[in-house]
């Protein structure tokens, strides 16, 4: 195994874990809406998730653990993607908010701030902040 393969596999494992978190949010109400499906398809492509792997993750997203990014910037980007999924069907349900709080902790944000970070992230997503503005405001908040 080449040294470079270690990083590729680590990145892929992190991408699959992130995709699984997005799927968990989409399945919070046990139904994937059309908007959620479109976002899942886009995220699978962006995260380099094959169709075969995507089907596996959709069947059992709990099987794939969160692999938090090392960089704070990447954690915020993951949070941005997750909040975007919550709003893909134009509403933020309580179950989705509960899952997001847990995922925020799994991403490496402070436990004592997780509910406030989740609420702020949803608020920013509702206000259609782009990733740059979202990142700036989460950094100010955290």
Protein backbone atom coordinates (compact mmCIF):
# COMPACT_ATOMS: atom_id res chain seq x y z
CA UNK A 1 0.00 0.00 0.00
CA UNK A 2 1.35 3.39 -0.98
CA UNK A 3 1.65 6.11 1.64
CA UNK A 4 -0.68 8.35 -0.41
CA UNK A 5 -3.39 5.64 -0.28
CA UNK A 6 -3.72 6.19 3.46
CA UNK A 7 -4.88 9.75 2.93
CA UNK A 8 -7.20 8.88 0.08
CA UNK A 9 -8.87 6.16 2.13
CA UNK A 10 -9.12 8.46 5.14
CA UNK A 11 -10.74 11.18 3.06
CA UNK A 12 -13.14 8.70 1.51
CA UNK A 13 -14.06 7.29 4.91
CA UNK A 14 -14.73 10.82 6.15
CA UNK A 15 -16.84 11.56 3.04
CA UNK A 16 -18.91 8.40 3.55
CA UNK A 17 -19.45 9.28 7.22
CA UNK A 18 -20.50 12.79 6.27
CA UNK A 19 -22.86 11.46 3.60
CA UNK A 20 -24.35 9.04 6.15
CA UNK A 21 -25.05 11.99 8.50
CA UNK A 22 -26.83 13.78 5.68
CA UNK A 23 -28.87 10.63 4.99
CA UNK A 24 -29.80 10.36 8.70
CA UNK A 25 -31.21 13.86 8.55
CA UNK A 26 -33.10 13.11 5.34
CA UNK A 27 -34.60 10.00 6.94
CA UNK A 28 -35.58 11.73 10.19
CA UNK A 29 -39.24 11.56 9.14
CA UNK A 30 -38.76 8.12 7.49
CA UNK A 31 -39.42 9.63 4.05
CA UNK A 32 -37.00 11.17 1.58
CA UNK A 33 -38.70 14.07 -0.17
CA UNK A 34 -37.96 15.07 -3.74
CA UNK A 35 -35.86 18.03 -2.53
CA UNK A 36 -33.93 15.79 -0.15
CA UNK A 37 -33.32 13.23 -2.90
CA UNK A 38 -31.93 15.91 -5.21
CA UNK A 39 -29.60 17.11 -2.50
CA UNK A 40 -28.49 13.55 -1.69
CA UNK A 41 -27.70 12.96 -5.36
CA UNK A 42 -25.68 16.21 -5.54
CA UNK A 43 -23.83 15.46 -2.30
CA UNK A 44 -23.01 11.91 -3.41
CA UNK A 45 -21.38 13.28 -6.55
CA UNK A 46 -19.56 16.03 -4.63
CA UNK A 47 -18.30 13.58 -2.01
CA UNK A 48 -17.32 10.99 -4.65
CA UNK A 49 -19.79 8.38 -3.39
CA UNK A 50 -20.51 5.66 -5.96
CA UNK A 51 -24.10 4.63 -6.72
CA UNK A 52 -23.45 1.24 -5.13
CA UNK A 53 -22.12 2.79 -1.92
CA UNK A 54 -24.90 5.39 -1.92
CA UNK A 55 -27.50 2.58 -1.92
CA UNK A 56 -25.72 0.87 0.99
CA UNK A 57 -25.63 4.07 3.02
CA UNK A 58 -29.30 4.78 2.26
CA UNK A 59 -30.21 1.32 3.59
CA UNK A 60 -28.30 1.67 6.86
CA UNK A 61 -26.75 5.10 7.53
CA UNK A 62 -26.13 4.21 11.20
CA UNK A 63 -23.50 1.72 10.04
CA UNK A 64 -21.18 4.57 8.99
CA UNK A 65 -19.68 6.59 11.84
CA UNK A 66 -18.91 10.30 11.77
CA UNK A 67 -15.29 10.97 10.91
CA UNK A 68 -14.83 14.60 11.97
CA UNK A 69 -12.58 16.75 9.81
CA UNK A 70 -9.42 18.01 11.46
CA UNK A 71 -9.78 21.56 10.25
CA UNK A 72 -12.33 23.89 11.80
CA UNK A 73 -13.13 25.27 8.33
CA UNK A 74 -14.07 21.79 7.10
CA UNK A 75 -16.21 21.17 10.19
CA UNK A 76 -18.14 24.33 9.44
CA UNK A 77 -18.56 23.24 5.81
CA UNK A 78 -19.97 19.91 7.01
CA UNK A 79 -22.35 21.79 9.30
CA UNK A 80 -23.40 23.94 6.33
CA UNK A 81 -24.18 20.82 4.26
CA UNK A 82 -26.14 19.26 7.11
CA UNK A 83 -28.28 22.33 7.71
CA UNK A 84 -28.89 22.57 3.98
CA UNK A 85 -30.30 19.03 4.08
CA UNK A 86 -32.58 19.92 6.97
CA UNK A 87 -34.12 22.66 4.84
CA UNK A 88 -34.19 20.68 1.58
CA UNK A 89 -37.88 19.98 2.17
CA UNK A 90 -38.51 23.59 3.29
CA UNK A 91 -39.01 22.82 6.97
CA UNK A 92 -36.86 22.05 9.99
CA UNK A 93 -38.56 19.32 12.01
CA UNK A 94 -37.85 18.71 15.69
CA UNK A 95 -36.42 15.24 14.99
CA UNK A 96 -33.98 16.74 12.47
CA UNK A 97 -32.93 19.38 15.00
CA UNK A 98 -32.32 16.68 17.62
CA UNK A 99 -30.18 14.69 15.20
CA UNK A 100 -28.25 17.81 14.22
CA UNK A 101 -27.35 18.55 17.85
CA UNK A 102 -25.85 15.05 18.16
CA UNK A 103 -24.01 15.35 14.87
CA UNK A 104 -22.60 18.75 15.85
CA UNK A 105 -20.96 17.08 18.85
CA UNK A 106 -19.72 14.26 16.60
CA UNK A 107 -18.16 16.83 14.29
CA UNK A 108 -16.08 18.10 17.19
CA UNK A 109 -17.93 21.22 18.26
CA UNK A 110 -18.12 21.80 22.04
CA UNK A 111 -20.82 19.75 23.75
CA UNK A 112 -21.97 22.62 25.95
CA UNK A 113 -22.56 24.79 22.85
CA UNK A 114 -24.03 22.14 20.56
CA UNK A 115 -27.68 23.20 20.86
CA UNK A 116 -26.86 26.87 20.31
CA UNK A 117 -24.58 26.08 17.36
CA UNK A 118 -27.28 23.90 15.80
CA UNK A 119 -29.93 26.59 16.23
CA UNK A 120 -27.66 29.27 14.82
CA UNK A 121 -26.75 27.07 11.85
CA UNK A 122 -30.42 26.45 11.05
CA UNK A 123 -31.16 30.17 11.40
CA UNK A 124 -28.33 31.00 8.98
CA UNK A 125 -29.52 28.39 6.51
CA UNK A 126 -33.10 29.70 6.68
CA UNK A 127 -31.73 33.14 5.83
CA UNK A 128 -30.01 31.65 2.73
CA UNK A 129 -26.48 32.51 3.81
CA UNK A 130 -23.86 31.16 1.43
CA UNK A 131 -20.96 29.07 2.75
CA UNK A 132 -18.66 32.08 3.13
CA UNK A 133 -21.17 34.10 5.17
CA UNK A 134 -22.22 30.99 7.11
CA UNK A 135 -18.59 30.29 8.03
CA UNK A 136 -17.98 33.87 9.12
CA UNK A 137 -21.06 33.94 11.37
CA UNK A 138 -20.45 30.50 12.92
CA UNK A 139 -16.88 31.58 13.76
CA UNK A 140 -18.21 34.74 15.40
CA UNK A 141 -20.78 32.73 17.31
CA UNK A 142 -18.49 29.92 18.40
